[in-house]
Amino acid sequence: MAHDCDVIVVGAGIIGCAVARELARAGMRPCILEAREAGAGATQASAGMLVPYIEAPDDGGLHTLAVRSFQLYDEFISELRSEGADVEYRRCGTLQVAADGAAATALAAQAAWIRSQGLEARWLTRAEAAAIEPAARAPEGALLVPAHGYVRAGQLTSALLESAKQHGAEFFPHQHVQQITHDGSRVSVTAGEMTYRASTIVIAAGSWSGLMINDGPAVSPVRGQLVRLRWHARPIERVLWSGHCYIVPWLDGTLLVGATMEEVGFDERATVDGVASLLDAARALLPDAADATFVEARAGLRPSTPNGLPIIGRAPDHPSVIYATGHYRNGVLLAPITAKMVGELIQRFPDSR
């Protein structure tokens, strides 16, 4: 059986769903193919942090891209909410603690640099940090960035997929891509007994993107494990960050603690060692975490690239193929800008062949 559409999007994680929504809102008919359910890969193990001045703290391509995407987020979420989506999105700020004098010196300098970029940032003494987050240990002070925040990645992915469908996209879960062929003007994707045909394909398959076609991009998996705890002490108001973990406070009273970085190939297991390391780091940052209830552990494979930058653009030898992958730890943060870039690429240069 064959199914025709305007654009095939392979992958229904945060990136694939954001891209499909952008294309559908522009009047195209995308087909979204996913080997599992939407958001079941790296997205489901993401804490959804929006922290460009921590994850991309240096002048450079990634920082520029991250800040541009961060600036799009308020409107991005507002549009989804106007369509009826319920997405937990908070600009609650980040508190990045210093464990020793060297870290304190580095974070104080980082605060000055962030202010030079036009964003509020404050270096807090140990007493000042304890005054706003008394449960957290900040032996040598902390860096406060009030504009940072988080979004619940699973909720956002579901909202993006639903919005894409409302605007005409079609979603096909449990479609394992077996073959992609292209003749320069059309692309065909074989998945089981179905063949999907379009003029363009967007490969947003995360760590699997490099395996989709011959001479695919250099994308490799890095496992990230995350645990969720039910917190019983005084509420945590901000995203907390130490040298060994980050902690994201959800409004339901649970905390996400992440995340490991493990080069273990395509092994998606949550492991005893990984969970134990996160729990140890959580207790070091929040001593009362020893009394928290363990809820669950998750693991996902982040798509990394050799230079640390995402791959967004047409395949050099196959102009009907567009990549939107390699976002590593920043898929949620970079979703709005990635969708915008891919949408503009297809709309402005539909015949770049």
Protein backbone atom coordinates (compact mmCIF):
# COMPACT_ATOMS: atom_id res chain seq x y z
CA MET A 1 0.00 0.00 0.00
CA ALA A 2 1.17 3.54 -0.74
CA HIS A 3 0.41 6.82 0.97
CA ASP A 4 1.27 10.22 -0.50
CA CYS A 5 1.93 13.40 1.45
CA ASP A 6 3.92 16.61 1.07
CA VAL A 7 6.66 15.92 3.63
CA ILE A 8 7.62 12.78 5.51
CA VAL A 9 8.90 13.40 9.05
CA VAL A 10 10.73 10.41 10.52
CA GLY A 11 10.64 10.61 14.30
CA ALA A 12 7.96 11.79 16.73
CA GLY A 13 10.11 13.08 19.55
CA ILE A 14 10.09 16.72 20.54
CA ILE A 15 11.96 17.75 17.37
CA GLY A 16 9.89 15.73 14.90
CA CYS A 17 6.59 16.88 16.40
CA ALA A 18 7.69 20.53 16.45
CA VAL A 19 8.79 20.34 12.82
CA ALA A 20 5.58 18.61 11.71
CA ARG A 21 3.47 21.24 13.45
CA GLU A 22 5.41 24.05 11.78
CA LEU A 23 4.94 22.49 8.35
CA ALA A 24 1.25 21.75 8.90
CA ARG A 25 0.60 25.30 10.05
CA ALA A 26 2.22 26.49 6.82
CA GLY A 27 -0.33 24.54 4.80
CA MET A 28 1.69 21.42 4.02
CA ARG A 29 0.53 17.84 4.66
CA PRO A 30 3.20 16.07 6.70
CA CYS A 31 3.21 12.38 7.55
CA ILE A 32 4.93 11.59 10.85
CA LEU A 33 6.44 8.11 11.11
CA GLU A 34 7.54 6.78 14.50
CA ALA A 35 8.92 3.37 15.40
CA ARG A 36 7.31 3.55 18.87
CA GLU A 37 4.83 5.99 20.38
CA ALA A 38 5.33 9.74 20.25
CA GLY A 39 7.99 10.96 22.66
CA ALA A 40 9.10 7.46 23.66
CA GLY A 41 12.81 7.98 22.94
CA ALA A 42 15.13 10.60 24.40
CA THR A 43 12.20 12.96 24.95
CA GLN A 44 10.60 10.85 27.69
CA ALA A 45 13.85 10.95 29.66
CA SER A 46 14.31 14.70 29.31
CA ALA A 47 13.90 17.10 32.22
CA GLY A 48 12.83 19.82 29.77
CA MET A 49 15.20 22.46 31.10
CA LEU A 50 15.37 25.83 29.36
CA VAL A 51 18.78 26.97 30.54
CA PRO A 52 20.84 28.34 27.64
CA TYR A 53 23.29 30.16 29.90
CA ILE A 54 24.16 26.88 31.66
CA GLU A 55 23.98 24.36 28.81
CA ALA A 56 25.57 26.70 26.25
CA PRO A 57 27.51 29.22 28.35
CA ASP A 58 30.09 30.34 25.79
CA ASP A 59 29.95 32.62 22.79
CA GLY A 60 29.57 30.41 19.75
CA GLY A 61 27.13 28.73 17.42
CA LEU A 62 25.35 26.63 20.02
CA HIS A 63 24.91 29.54 22.40
CA THR A 64 23.52 31.78 19.66
CA LEU A 65 21.06 29.10 18.56
CA ALA A 66 20.05 28.29 22.14
CA VAL A 67 19.38 31.91 23.05
CA ARG A 68 17.36 32.50 19.88
CA SER A 69 15.21 29.45 20.62
CA PHE A 70 14.86 30.45 24.28
CA GLN A 71 13.51 33.81 23.18
CA LEU A 72 10.81 32.08 21.11
CA TYR A 73 9.49 29.99 23.98
CA ASP A 74 6.89 32.33 25.51
CA GLU A 75 5.08 32.69 22.18
CA PHE A 76 5.62 29.01 21.36
CA ILE A 77 3.80 27.93 24.52
CA SER A 78 1.19 30.70 24.31
CA GLU A 79 0.12 29.54 20.85
CA LEU A 80 -0.27 25.95 22.04
CA ARG A 81 -2.27 27.04 25.08
CA SER A 82 -4.53 29.11 22.83
CA GLU A 83 -5.34 25.84 21.03
CA GLY A 84 -6.35 24.23 24.32
CA ALA A 85 -3.09 22.54 25.31
CA ASP A 86 -2.26 22.07 28.99
CA VAL A 87 1.51 22.42 29.24
CA GLU A 88 3.45 23.04 32.45
CA TYR A 89 5.91 25.78 31.59
CA ARG A 90 7.64 27.86 34.23
CA ARG A 91 10.26 30.59 34.15
CA CYS A 92 11.10 29.83 37.77
CA GLY A 93 14.84 30.53 37.54
CA THR A 94 17.93 28.42 38.15
CA LEU A 95 20.19 28.28 41.17
CA GLN A 96 23.61 26.87 40.26
CA VAL A 97 25.53 26.08 43.45
CA ALA A 98 29.27 26.24 44.03
CA ALA A 99 30.81 23.40 46.02
CA ASP A 100 34.25 24.99 46.39
CA GLY A 101 36.18 28.20 45.90
CA ALA A 102 37.18 27.45 42.32
CA ALA A 103 33.55 26.86 41.33
CA ALA A 104 32.54 30.05 43.11
CA THR A 105 35.09 32.09 41.18
CA ALA A 106 33.95 30.60 37.87
CA LEU A 107 30.25 31.13 38.58
CA ALA A 108 30.76 34.71 39.77
CA ALA A 109 32.54 35.43 36.48
CA GLN A 110 29.72 33.70 34.63
CA ALA A 111 27.21 35.97 36.35
CA ALA A 112 29.08 39.03 35.09
CA TRP A 113 29.21 37.63 31.56
CA ILE A 114 25.47 36.85 31.54
CA ARG A 115 24.71 40.41 32.64
CA SER A 116 26.89 41.67 29.80
CA GLN A 117 24.55 39.79 27.43
CA GLY A 118 21.56 41.74 28.75
CA LEU A 119 20.07 39.08 31.06
CA GLU A 120 19.70 39.35 34.81
CA ALA A 121 22.10 37.18 36.81
CA ARG A 122 23.19 37.48 40.42
CA TRP A 123 25.95 35.94 42.45
CA LEU A 124 24.59 34.98 45.89
CA THR A 125 26.51 34.36 49.06
CA ARG A 126 25.90 31.16 50.97
CA ALA A 127 23.47 32.99 53.29
CA GLU A 128 21.62 34.61 50.38
CA ALA A 129 21.26 31.26 48.61
CA ALA A 130 19.98 29.64 51.81
CA ALA A 131 17.41 32.42 52.20
CA ILE A 132 15.70 31.64 48.88
CA GLU A 133 16.28 27.85 48.74
CA PRO A 134 16.84 26.69 52.34
CA ALA A 135 16.75 23.00 51.43
CA ALA A 136 19.72 23.27 49.06
CA ARG A 137 23.37 23.12 50.06
CA ALA A 138 25.43 25.92 48.53
CA PRO A 139 28.70 25.82 50.53
CA GLU A 140 30.39 28.61 48.58
CA GLY A 141 27.42 30.51 47.18
CA ALA A 142 25.36 30.19 44.01
CA LEU A 143 24.54 31.76 40.66
CA LEU A 144 20.91 32.82 40.23
CA VAL A 145 19.47 33.31 36.71
CA PRO A 146 15.80 34.26 37.20
CA ALA A 147 14.75 33.93 33.51
CA HIS A 148 15.69 30.26 33.19
CA GLY A 149 13.08 27.57 33.62
CA TYR A 150 11.65 24.33 32.32
CA VAL A 151 8.79 22.79 30.40
CA ARG A 152 7.38 19.31 30.89
CA ALA A 153 8.74 17.63 27.78
CA GLY A 154 6.11 14.89 27.55
CA GLN A 155 3.25 17.35 27.79
CA LEU A 156 4.85 19.63 25.23
CA THR A 157 5.45 16.78 22.77
CA SER A 158 1.84 15.61 23.07
CA ALA A 159 0.61 19.17 22.55
CA LEU A 160 2.79 19.67 19.48
CA LEU A 161 1.60 16.39 17.96
CA GLU A 162 -2.05 17.22 18.62
CA SER A 163 -1.60 20.69 17.13
CA ALA A 164 0.11 19.22 14.06
CA LYS A 165 -2.80 16.81 13.58
CA GLN A 166 -5.34 19.60 13.99
CA HIS A 167 -3.59 21.45 11.16
CA GLY A 168 -3.60 18.45 8.83
CA ALA A 169 -0.61 16.28 9.76
CA GLU A 170 -1.03 12.51 9.93
CA PHE A 171 0.66 10.38 12.58
CA PHE A 172 1.67 6.77 11.99
CA PRO A 173 3.11 5.10 15.12
CA HIS A 174 4.89 1.72 15.19
CA GLN A 175 6.28 2.27 11.71
CA HIS A 176 9.80 0.86 11.60
CA VAL A 177 11.55 2.42 8.63
CA GLN A 178 13.17 -0.31 6.54
CA GLN A 179 14.27 1.59 3.48
CA ILE A 180 14.48 5.13 2.16
CA THR A 181 14.91 5.69 -1.56
CA HIS A 182 15.12 8.98 -3.42
CA ASP A 183 15.54 9.87 -7.07
CA GLY A 184 16.28 13.57 -6.62
CA SER A 185 12.68 14.75 -6.82
CA ARG A 186 10.70 12.22 -4.76
CA VAL A 187 11.34 10.19 -1.64
CA SER A 188 9.82 6.84 -0.77
CA VAL A 189 9.91 5.28 2.69
CA THR A 190 9.13 1.62 3.22
CA ALA A 191 7.80 0.70 6.66
CA GLY A 192 6.27 -2.74 6.97
CA GLU A 193 3.65 -3.16 4.26
CA MET A 194 3.33 0.59 3.72
CA THR A 195 5.19 2.92 1.38
CA TYR A 196 5.08 6.64 2.11
CA ARG A 197 5.91 9.07 -0.72
CA ALA A 198 6.67 12.78 -0.66
CA SER A 199 8.86 15.42 -2.25
CA THR A 200 10.86 15.93 0.96
CA ILE A 201 11.80 13.87 3.99
CA VAL A 202 12.87 15.31 7.35
CA ILE A 203 14.90 12.86 9.39
CA ALA A 204 14.40 13.69 13.06
CA ALA A 205 15.08 10.24 14.45
CA GLY A 206 17.51 11.27 17.17
CA SER A 207 20.33 8.81 17.77
CA TRP A 208 19.06 6.62 14.93
CA SER A 209 19.22 9.39 12.32
CA GLY A 210 22.62 8.34 10.98
CA LEU A 211 21.34 4.84 10.27
CA MET A 212 18.44 5.88 8.05
CA ILE A 213 20.29 6.30 4.75
CA ASN A 214 23.73 5.59 3.38
CA ASP A 215 26.29 8.28 4.22
CA GLY A 216 24.05 9.58 6.99
CA PRO A 217 25.23 12.18 9.51
CA ALA A 218 27.69 11.36 12.28
CA VAL A 219 25.25 11.03 15.16
CA SER A 220 25.96 8.74 18.09
CA PRO A 221 23.93 7.85 21.20
CA VAL A 222 24.83 8.98 24.70
CA ARG A 223 22.63 7.47 27.39
CA GLY A 224 21.10 9.77 29.96
CA GLN A 225 19.40 8.36 33.04
CA LEU A 226 16.95 10.33 35.15
CA VAL A 227 15.03 9.59 38.34
CA ARG A 228 11.81 11.07 39.69
CA LEU A 229 11.25 11.53 43.41
CA ARG A 230 8.27 12.63 45.48
CA TRP A 231 9.44 15.45 47.70
CA HIS A 232 8.08 15.72 51.25
CA ALA A 233 9.92 18.75 52.61
CA ARG A 234 9.49 22.46 51.94
CA PRO A 235 8.80 23.03 48.21
CA ILE A 236 11.74 23.69 45.90
CA GLU A 237 11.05 26.86 43.94
CA ARG A 238 13.79 26.82 41.28
CA VAL A 239 15.72 24.46 39.06
CA LEU A 240 18.81 23.48 41.05
CA TRP A 241 22.16 22.66 39.54
CA SER A 242 25.38 21.30 41.02
CA GLY A 243 28.50 19.86 39.48
CA HIS A 244 26.98 16.36 39.62
CA CYS A 245 23.24 16.68 38.93
CA TYR A 246 20.33 19.00 38.23
CA ILE A 247 16.96 18.94 39.97
CA VAL A 248 13.73 20.16 38.36
CA PRO A 249 10.69 20.77 40.62
CA TRP A 250 7.35 19.90 39.04
CA LEU A 251 4.14 21.47 40.33
CA ASP A 252 2.81 18.04 41.34
CA GLY A 253 5.41 17.87 44.12
CA THR A 254 7.85 15.57 42.37
CA LEU A 255 11.46 16.28 41.48
CA LEU A 256 13.34 15.16 38.38
CA VAL A 257 16.99 14.38 39.07
CA GLY A 258 19.33 13.99 36.12
CA ALA A 259 21.31 13.09 34.33
CA THR A 260 24.07 10.68 33.53
CA MET A 261 26.16 10.81 30.35
CA GLU A 262 27.17 7.32 29.24
CA GLU A 263 28.58 6.13 25.94
CA VAL A 264 27.08 2.64 25.88
CA GLY A 265 25.80 2.38 22.32
CA PHE A 266 22.09 1.76 21.85
CA ASP A 267 21.55 0.41 25.37
CA GLU A 268 18.46 2.17 26.76
CA ARG A 269 18.37 0.51 30.17
CA ALA A 270 18.17 2.34 33.46
CA THR A 271 20.89 0.76 35.60
CA VAL A 272 21.60 0.37 39.31
CA ASP A 273 24.87 2.28 39.00
CA GLY A 274 23.22 5.12 37.10
CA VAL A 275 20.33 5.45 39.53
CA ALA A 276 22.63 5.20 42.55
CA SER A 277 24.89 7.96 41.25
CA LEU A 278 21.91 10.27 40.76
CA LEU A 279 20.51 9.55 44.20
CA ASP A 280 23.90 10.23 45.80
CA ALA A 281 24.18 13.53 43.91
CA ALA A 282 20.63 14.50 44.89
CA ARG A 283 21.32 13.85 48.58
CA ALA A 284 24.51 15.90 48.39
CA LEU A 285 22.61 18.87 46.97
CA LEU A 286 19.39 18.35 48.92
CA PRO A 287 20.04 16.48 52.19
CA ASP A 288 16.28 15.97 52.71
CA ALA A 289 16.20 13.90 49.52
CA ALA A 290 17.09 10.95 51.75
CA ASP A 291 13.45 10.98 52.88
CA ALA A 292 11.94 11.42 49.41
CA THR A 293 9.88 8.66 47.82
CA PHE A 294 11.40 6.97 44.79
CA VAL A 295 8.86 7.14 41.94
CA GLU A 296 10.62 5.94 38.79
CA ALA A 297 13.79 5.82 36.72
CA ARG A 298 14.01 6.57 33.01
CA ALA A 299 16.71 6.37 30.37
CA GLY A 300 17.02 7.84 26.90
CA LEU A 301 19.65 8.06 24.18
CA ARG A 302 20.70 11.60 23.36
CA PRO A 303 21.97 12.17 19.78
CA SER A 304 25.46 13.66 19.98
CA THR A 305 27.64 14.98 17.16
CA PRO A 306 31.43 15.32 16.90
CA ASN A 307 31.39 19.14 17.18
CA GLY A 308 28.55 19.38 19.69
CA LEU A 309 26.28 21.24 17.26
CA PRO A 310 22.93 20.01 15.94
CA ILE A 311 22.62 19.06 12.28
CA ILE A 312 19.85 21.10 10.64
CA GLY A 313 19.82 21.30 6.87
CA ARG A 314 19.74 19.42 3.58
CA ALA A 315 21.89 16.37 2.98
CA PRO A 316 24.73 17.50 0.67
CA ASP A 317 24.20 14.77 -1.91
CA HIS A 318 20.45 14.30 -1.46
CA PRO A 319 18.62 17.66 -1.47
CA SER A 320 15.25 16.01 -0.94
CA VAL A 321 16.57 14.83 2.46
CA ILE A 322 16.66 17.28 5.39
CA TYR A 323 18.20 16.48 8.76
CA ALA A 324 16.95 17.82 12.08
CA THR A 325 19.01 15.86 14.57
CA GLY A 326 22.07 15.85 16.80
CA HIS A 327 20.57 18.10 19.51
CA TYR A 328 22.19 16.08 22.31
CA ARG A 329 21.05 17.52 25.70
CA ASN A 330 19.20 20.46 24.15
CA GLY A 331 16.40 18.99 22.07
CA VAL A 332 13.64 20.58 24.15
CA LEU A 333 15.38 23.95 24.31
CA LEU A 334 16.10 23.98 20.57
CA ALA A 335 12.72 22.69 19.37
CA PRO A 336 11.20 26.09 18.45
CA ILE A 337 14.20 27.32 16.46
CA THR A 338 14.71 23.96 14.77
CA ALA A 339 11.09 23.86 13.61
CA LYS A 340 11.37 27.43 12.35
CA MET A 341 14.60 26.73 10.45
CA VAL A 342 13.28 23.57 8.80
CA GLY A 343 10.00 25.26 7.90
CA GLU A 344 11.78 28.20 6.30
CA LEU A 345 14.16 25.90 4.45
CA ILE A 346 11.31 23.97 2.84
CA GLN A 347 9.07 26.97 2.15
CA ARG A 348 11.73 29.33 0.80
CA PHE A 349 13.78 26.78 -1.12
CA PRO A 350 11.35 23.99 -2.04
CA ASP A 351 13.24 23.14 -5.23
CA SER A 352 16.86 23.24 -4.03
CA ARG A 353 17.78 20.15 -5.99
